[in-house]
C-alpha cells in the first residue's frame, strides 16, 4: 500500500512540474529549466527502492515546487552556512610584524604633498 501511495505522489509531483514548465509566468529560459530539472532528477532517482528515501525525495520536490511558485523563482534555494563553516584553524598564531620594516611615520614623510598637519 505504501508503494502505491508513493507512486501516486511521485506521479502527481511530476505532472505538476511538467504543467509548470508550460504555464510558468517567467521567460522561456526558466520554463526550459523547470522541464529539464524535473526530467533529470526524476530519471536520476527512478531506481530508488527504499520507501523512506523515496518519500524524502518527494517531500523535497514538493517543497521546492511550493517555494518556486510562491517566490516566482524556479531555481533551488541557496542555503546559508553557519559562520566559519569552512575556516580551518591556522597552524600558527598571527605574529606581529617586526619593527625592522620601519614605522608608518617614516613612510608618510616620504610622500610628496602630505604635511604632518594632514595626518
N, C-alpha and C. Protein backbone atom coordinates (compact mmCIF):
# COMPACT_ATOMS: atom_id res chain seq x y z
N UNK A 1 0.82 -1.20 0.00
CA UNK A 1 0.00 0.00 0.00
C UNK A 1 0.87 1.26 0.00
N UNK A 2 1.94 1.23 0.76
CA UNK A 2 2.81 2.40 0.84
C UNK A 2 3.46 2.68 -0.50
N UNK A 3 3.82 1.61 -1.22
CA UNK A 3 4.45 1.79 -2.52
C UNK A 3 3.49 2.46 -3.50
N UNK A 4 2.23 2.07 -3.45
CA UNK A 4 1.23 2.67 -4.34
C UNK A 4 1.02 4.14 -4.00
N UNK A 5 1.01 4.46 -2.72
CA UNK A 5 0.83 5.85 -2.30
C UNK A 5 2.03 6.70 -2.73
N UNK A 6 3.24 6.16 -2.58
CA UNK A 6 4.43 6.89 -3.01
C UNK A 6 4.44 7.08 -4.52
N UNK A 7 4.04 6.06 -5.23
CA UNK A 7 3.98 6.16 -6.70
C UNK A 7 2.99 7.24 -7.12
N UNK A 8 1.85 7.28 -6.46
CA UNK A 8 0.84 8.30 -6.77
C UNK A 8 1.37 9.70 -6.49
N UNK A 9 2.03 9.86 -5.34
CA UNK A 9 2.61 11.17 -5.00
C UNK A 9 3.68 11.58 -5.99
N UNK A 10 4.53 10.63 -6.38
CA UNK A 10 5.62 10.93 -7.32
C UNK A 10 5.06 11.33 -8.68
N UNK A 11 4.08 10.59 -9.18
CA UNK A 11 3.49 10.92 -10.47
C UNK A 11 2.75 12.24 -10.43
N UNK A 12 2.09 12.52 -9.32
CA UNK A 12 1.39 13.79 -9.17
C UNK A 12 2.38 14.95 -9.19
N UNK A 13 3.48 14.80 -8.48
CA UNK A 13 4.51 15.84 -8.46
C UNK A 13 5.10 16.03 -9.85
N UNK A 14 5.38 14.93 -10.54
CA UNK A 14 5.96 15.02 -11.89
C UNK A 14 4.99 15.73 -12.84
N UNK A 15 3.71 15.39 -12.78
CA UNK A 15 2.73 16.05 -13.64
C UNK A 15 2.64 17.54 -13.31
N UNK A 16 2.68 17.88 -12.03
CA UNK A 16 2.64 19.29 -11.63
C UNK A 16 3.84 20.06 -12.17
N UNK A 17 5.00 19.43 -12.11
CA UNK A 17 6.21 20.09 -12.61
C UNK A 17 6.17 20.25 -14.13
N UNK A 18 5.68 19.24 -14.83
CA UNK A 18 5.57 19.34 -16.29
C UNK A 18 4.55 20.41 -16.68
N UNK A 19 3.46 20.49 -15.94
CA UNK A 19 2.46 21.53 -16.19
C UNK A 19 3.07 22.90 -15.91
N UNK A 20 3.87 23.00 -14.85
CA UNK A 20 4.51 24.27 -14.52
C UNK A 20 5.49 24.70 -15.61
N UNK A 21 6.13 23.73 -16.24
CA UNK A 21 7.08 24.09 -17.29
C UNK A 21 6.36 24.70 -18.50
N UNK A 22 5.07 24.45 -18.64
CA UNK A 22 4.30 25.05 -19.73
C UNK A 22 3.63 26.36 -19.31
N UNK A 23 3.23 26.46 -18.05
CA UNK A 23 2.43 27.62 -17.61
C UNK A 23 3.21 28.61 -16.77
N UNK A 24 4.51 28.43 -16.61
CA UNK A 24 5.32 29.31 -15.77
C UNK A 24 5.24 30.74 -16.30
N UNK A 25 5.04 31.75 -15.42
CA UNK A 25 4.89 33.13 -15.88
C UNK A 25 6.20 33.80 -16.28
N UNK A 26 7.31 33.16 -16.09
CA UNK A 26 8.61 33.76 -16.40
C UNK A 26 9.02 33.56 -17.85
N UNK A 27 10.25 33.93 -18.16
CA UNK A 27 10.75 33.79 -19.53
C UNK A 27 10.92 32.33 -19.94
N UNK A 28 11.01 32.08 -21.24
CA UNK A 28 11.16 30.71 -21.74
C UNK A 28 12.37 29.97 -21.17
N UNK A 29 13.41 30.71 -20.84
CA UNK A 29 14.61 30.09 -20.26
C UNK A 29 14.27 29.40 -18.94
N UNK A 30 13.43 30.02 -18.12
CA UNK A 30 13.03 29.44 -16.85
C UNK A 30 12.11 28.24 -17.06
N UNK A 31 11.23 28.32 -18.06
CA UNK A 31 10.35 27.19 -18.37
C UNK A 31 11.18 25.98 -18.77
N UNK A 32 12.18 26.22 -19.60
CA UNK A 32 13.06 25.13 -20.04
C UNK A 32 13.83 24.55 -18.85
N UNK A 33 14.27 25.41 -17.94
CA UNK A 33 14.98 24.95 -16.75
C UNK A 33 14.09 24.03 -15.91
N UNK A 34 12.84 24.42 -15.70
CA UNK A 34 11.92 23.60 -14.90
C UNK A 34 11.75 22.23 -15.54
N UNK A 35 11.54 22.21 -16.85
CA UNK A 35 11.34 20.95 -17.56
C UNK A 35 12.57 20.05 -17.43
N UNK A 36 13.74 20.60 -17.73
CA UNK A 36 14.98 19.80 -17.71
C UNK A 36 15.32 19.33 -16.30
N UNK A 37 15.16 20.20 -15.32
CA UNK A 37 15.49 19.83 -13.93
C UNK A 37 14.59 18.70 -13.44
N UNK A 38 13.30 18.81 -13.72
CA UNK A 38 12.37 17.75 -13.30
C UNK A 38 12.70 16.44 -14.01
N UNK A 39 12.92 16.52 -15.30
CA UNK A 39 13.22 15.31 -16.07
C UNK A 39 14.49 14.63 -15.56
N UNK A 40 15.55 15.41 -15.38
CA UNK A 40 16.84 14.85 -14.95
C UNK A 40 16.73 14.25 -13.55
N UNK A 41 16.13 14.97 -12.61
CA UNK A 41 16.06 14.47 -11.23
C UNK A 41 15.17 13.24 -11.10
N UNK A 42 14.06 13.21 -11.83
CA UNK A 42 13.21 12.02 -11.76
C UNK A 42 13.91 10.82 -12.40
N UNK A 43 14.62 11.03 -13.50
CA UNK A 43 15.35 9.92 -14.12
C UNK A 43 16.49 9.44 -13.22
N UNK A 44 17.15 10.36 -12.56
CA UNK A 44 18.27 10.00 -11.69
C UNK A 44 17.79 9.16 -10.50
N UNK A 45 16.59 9.43 -10.03
CA UNK A 45 16.08 8.76 -8.83
C UNK A 45 15.09 7.64 -9.12
N UNK A 46 14.92 7.26 -10.36
CA UNK A 46 13.91 6.25 -10.69
C UNK A 46 14.24 4.87 -10.16
N UNK A 47 15.48 4.61 -9.82
CA UNK A 47 15.88 3.28 -9.36
C UNK A 47 15.92 3.16 -7.84
N UNK A 48 15.45 4.16 -7.12
CA UNK A 48 15.42 4.08 -5.66
C UNK A 48 14.42 3.02 -5.22
N UNK A 49 14.78 2.25 -4.20
CA UNK A 49 13.89 1.20 -3.71
C UNK A 49 13.45 1.42 -2.27
N UNK A 50 14.21 2.19 -1.51
CA UNK A 50 13.90 2.41 -0.10
C UNK A 50 12.72 3.39 0.02
N UNK A 51 11.61 2.98 0.61
CA UNK A 51 10.44 3.86 0.73
C UNK A 51 10.73 5.16 1.50
N UNK A 52 11.59 5.08 2.51
CA UNK A 52 11.93 6.30 3.26
C UNK A 52 12.69 7.29 2.39
N UNK A 53 13.62 6.78 1.60
CA UNK A 53 14.41 7.64 0.71
C UNK A 53 13.51 8.24 -0.38
N UNK A 54 12.61 7.44 -0.91
CA UNK A 54 11.68 7.93 -1.93
C UNK A 54 10.79 9.03 -1.34
N UNK A 55 10.27 8.80 -0.15
CA UNK A 55 9.41 9.80 0.50
C UNK A 55 10.18 11.09 0.75
N UNK A 56 11.45 10.96 1.13
CA UNK A 56 12.28 12.14 1.39
C UNK A 56 12.47 12.96 0.10
N UNK A 57 12.73 12.27 -1.01
CA UNK A 57 12.92 12.95 -2.30
C UNK A 57 11.62 13.62 -2.75
N UNK A 58 10.50 12.95 -2.56
CA UNK A 58 9.21 13.54 -2.94
C UNK A 58 8.91 14.77 -2.09
N UNK A 59 9.16 14.69 -0.79
CA UNK A 59 8.95 15.85 0.09
C UNK A 59 9.82 17.02 -0.34
N UNK A 60 11.07 16.73 -0.67
CA UNK A 60 11.99 17.78 -1.13
C UNK A 60 11.46 18.42 -2.41
N UNK A 61 10.98 17.61 -3.34
CA UNK A 61 10.44 18.13 -4.59
C UNK A 61 9.19 18.97 -4.38
N UNK A 62 8.32 18.52 -3.50
CA UNK A 62 7.10 19.28 -3.22
C UNK A 62 7.41 20.62 -2.57
N UNK A 63 8.36 20.63 -1.65
CA UNK A 63 8.76 21.89 -1.01
C UNK A 63 9.37 22.85 -2.03
N UNK A 64 10.22 22.31 -2.88
CA UNK A 64 10.86 23.14 -3.90
C UNK A 64 9.81 23.70 -4.86
N UNK A 65 8.83 22.90 -5.21
CA UNK A 65 7.74 23.33 -6.09
C UNK A 65 6.95 24.47 -5.45
N UNK A 66 6.60 24.32 -4.18
CA UNK A 66 5.83 25.35 -3.48
C UNK A 66 6.62 26.65 -3.34
N UNK A 67 7.90 26.54 -3.01
CA UNK A 67 8.74 27.73 -2.87
C UNK A 67 8.89 28.43 -4.22
N UNK A 68 9.06 27.65 -5.28
CA UNK A 68 9.21 28.24 -6.62
C UNK A 68 7.97 29.04 -7.00
N UNK A 69 6.79 28.49 -6.77
CA UNK A 69 5.57 29.20 -7.14
C UNK A 69 5.31 30.38 -6.21
N UNK A 70 5.67 30.26 -4.95
CA UNK A 70 5.43 31.36 -4.02
C UNK A 70 6.29 32.57 -4.36
N UNK A 71 7.58 32.33 -4.60
CA UNK A 71 8.51 33.43 -4.85
C UNK A 71 8.72 33.71 -6.33
N UNK A 72 8.14 32.88 -7.19
CA UNK A 72 8.29 33.01 -8.65
C UNK A 72 9.75 32.92 -9.07
N UNK A 73 10.49 32.03 -8.39
CA UNK A 73 11.89 31.77 -8.71
C UNK A 73 12.04 30.26 -8.84
N UNK A 74 12.31 29.75 -10.05
CA UNK A 74 12.35 28.30 -10.23
C UNK A 74 13.64 27.63 -9.76
N UNK A 75 14.65 28.42 -9.48
CA UNK A 75 15.95 27.85 -9.14
C UNK A 75 15.98 27.42 -7.68
N UNK A 76 16.82 26.45 -7.35
CA UNK A 76 16.85 25.96 -5.96
C UNK A 76 17.29 27.04 -4.99
N UNK A 77 16.77 26.94 -3.81
CA UNK A 77 17.08 27.90 -2.75
C UNK A 77 18.50 27.68 -2.26
N UNK A 78 19.22 28.76 -2.09
CA UNK A 78 20.58 28.68 -1.57
C UNK A 78 20.50 28.66 -0.05
N UNK A 79 21.12 27.69 0.54
CA UNK A 79 21.12 27.58 1.99
C UNK A 79 22.37 28.26 2.54
N UNK A 80 22.18 29.10 3.53
CA UNK A 80 23.31 29.77 4.17
C UNK A 80 24.02 28.80 5.10
N UNK A 81 25.32 28.92 5.12
CA UNK A 81 26.11 28.09 6.02
C UNK A 81 26.42 28.87 7.29
N UNK A 82 26.60 28.21 8.39
CA UNK A 82 26.96 28.92 9.61
C UNK A 82 28.31 29.59 9.45
N UNK A 83 28.49 30.67 10.17
CA UNK A 83 29.75 31.40 10.10
C UNK A 83 30.91 30.49 10.46
N UNK A 84 31.97 30.58 9.68
CA UNK A 84 33.17 29.80 9.96
C UNK A 84 33.06 28.34 9.59
N UNK A 85 32.12 27.99 8.74
CA UNK A 85 31.90 26.58 8.41
C UNK A 85 33.10 25.96 7.70
N UNK A 86 33.78 26.73 6.87
CA UNK A 86 34.89 26.19 6.11
C UNK A 86 36.24 26.74 6.55
N UNK A 87 36.25 27.51 7.60
CA UNK A 87 37.51 28.10 8.04
C UNK A 87 38.27 27.08 8.88
N UNK A 88 39.46 26.80 8.44
CA UNK A 88 40.30 25.88 9.20
C UNK A 88 41.17 26.69 10.16
N UNK A 89 41.46 26.12 11.28
CA UNK A 89 42.29 26.80 12.26
C UNK A 89 43.70 26.90 11.70
N UNK A 90 44.28 28.11 11.72
CA UNK A 90 45.65 28.24 11.21
C UNK A 90 46.63 27.45 12.07
N UNK A 91 47.65 26.96 11.41
CA UNK A 91 48.64 26.15 12.14
C UNK A 91 49.47 26.99 13.10
N UNK A 92 49.70 28.24 12.73
CA UNK A 92 50.48 29.12 13.60
C UNK A 92 49.64 30.32 13.98
N UNK A 93 49.93 30.88 15.10
CA UNK A 93 49.25 32.08 15.54
C UNK A 93 49.73 33.27 14.73
N UNK A 94 48.90 34.30 14.67
CA UNK A 94 49.28 35.53 13.99
C UNK A 94 50.43 36.17 14.74
N UNK A 95 51.44 36.59 13.99
CA UNK A 95 52.60 37.23 14.61
C UNK A 95 52.64 38.69 14.21
N UNK A 96 52.98 39.52 15.16
CA UNK A 96 53.10 40.94 14.90
C UNK A 96 54.31 41.16 14.01
N UNK A 97 54.16 41.97 12.96
CA UNK A 97 55.31 42.23 12.08
C UNK A 97 56.46 42.85 12.87
N UNK A 98 57.63 42.53 12.47
CA UNK A 98 58.80 43.05 13.18
C UNK A 98 58.96 44.54 12.92
N UNK A 99 59.67 45.20 13.81
CA UNK A 99 59.89 46.63 13.69
C UNK A 99 60.94 46.95 12.64
N UNK A 100 61.58 45.95 12.09
CA UNK A 100 62.60 46.19 11.08
C UNK A 100 62.00 46.78 9.81
N UNK A 101 60.72 46.62 9.64
CA UNK A 101 60.08 47.12 8.43
C UNK A 101 60.04 48.64 8.42
N UNK A 102 60.16 49.29 9.55
CA UNK A 102 60.08 50.73 9.61
C UNK A 102 58.72 51.15 10.12
N UNK A 103 58.60 52.37 10.50
CA UNK A 103 57.32 52.83 11.03
C UNK A 103 56.50 53.49 9.93
N UNK A 104 55.25 53.65 10.18
CA UNK A 104 54.35 54.28 9.23
C UNK A 104 54.70 55.75 9.07
N UNK A 105 55.15 56.39 10.14
CA UNK A 105 55.51 57.81 10.06
C UNK A 105 56.63 58.04 9.07
N UNK A 106 57.60 57.13 9.02
CA UNK A 106 58.70 57.28 8.07
C UNK A 106 58.19 57.19 6.64
N UNK A 107 57.24 56.31 6.40
CA UNK A 107 56.70 56.16 5.06
C UNK A 107 55.89 57.38 4.66
N UNK A 108 55.17 57.99 5.61
CA UNK A 108 54.36 59.17 5.30
C UNK A 108 55.24 60.37 5.01
N UNK A 109 56.41 60.46 5.63
CA UNK A 109 57.32 61.58 5.39
C UNK A 109 57.83 61.55 3.96
N UNK A 110 57.91 60.38 3.36
CA UNK A 110 58.42 60.26 2.00
C UNK A 110 57.40 60.66 0.94
N UNK A 111 56.11 60.72 1.30
CA UNK A 111 55.09 61.05 0.32
C UNK A 111 55.09 62.55 0.06
N UNK A 112 55.10 62.94 -1.23
CA UNK A 112 55.09 64.37 -1.54
C UNK A 112 53.70 64.96 -1.29
N UNK A 113 53.65 66.18 -0.85
CA UNK A 113 52.40 66.90 -0.68
C UNK A 113 51.60 66.54 0.55
N UNK A 114 52.13 65.73 1.43
CA UNK A 114 51.40 65.36 2.64
C UNK A 114 52.11 65.99 3.83
N UNK A 115 51.48 67.00 4.38
CA UNK A 115 52.10 67.66 5.53
C UNK A 115 51.73 66.91 6.80
N UNK A 116 52.50 67.15 7.85
CA UNK A 116 52.26 66.47 9.12
C UNK A 116 50.92 66.89 9.72
N UNK A 117 50.42 68.07 9.35
CA UNK A 117 49.14 68.51 9.89
C UNK A 117 47.97 67.74 9.26
N UNK A 118 48.19 67.12 8.11
CA UNK A 118 47.14 66.38 7.41
C UNK A 118 46.95 64.97 7.96
N UNK A 119 47.85 64.51 8.80
CA UNK A 119 47.78 63.13 9.29
C UNK A 119 46.79 62.95 10.34
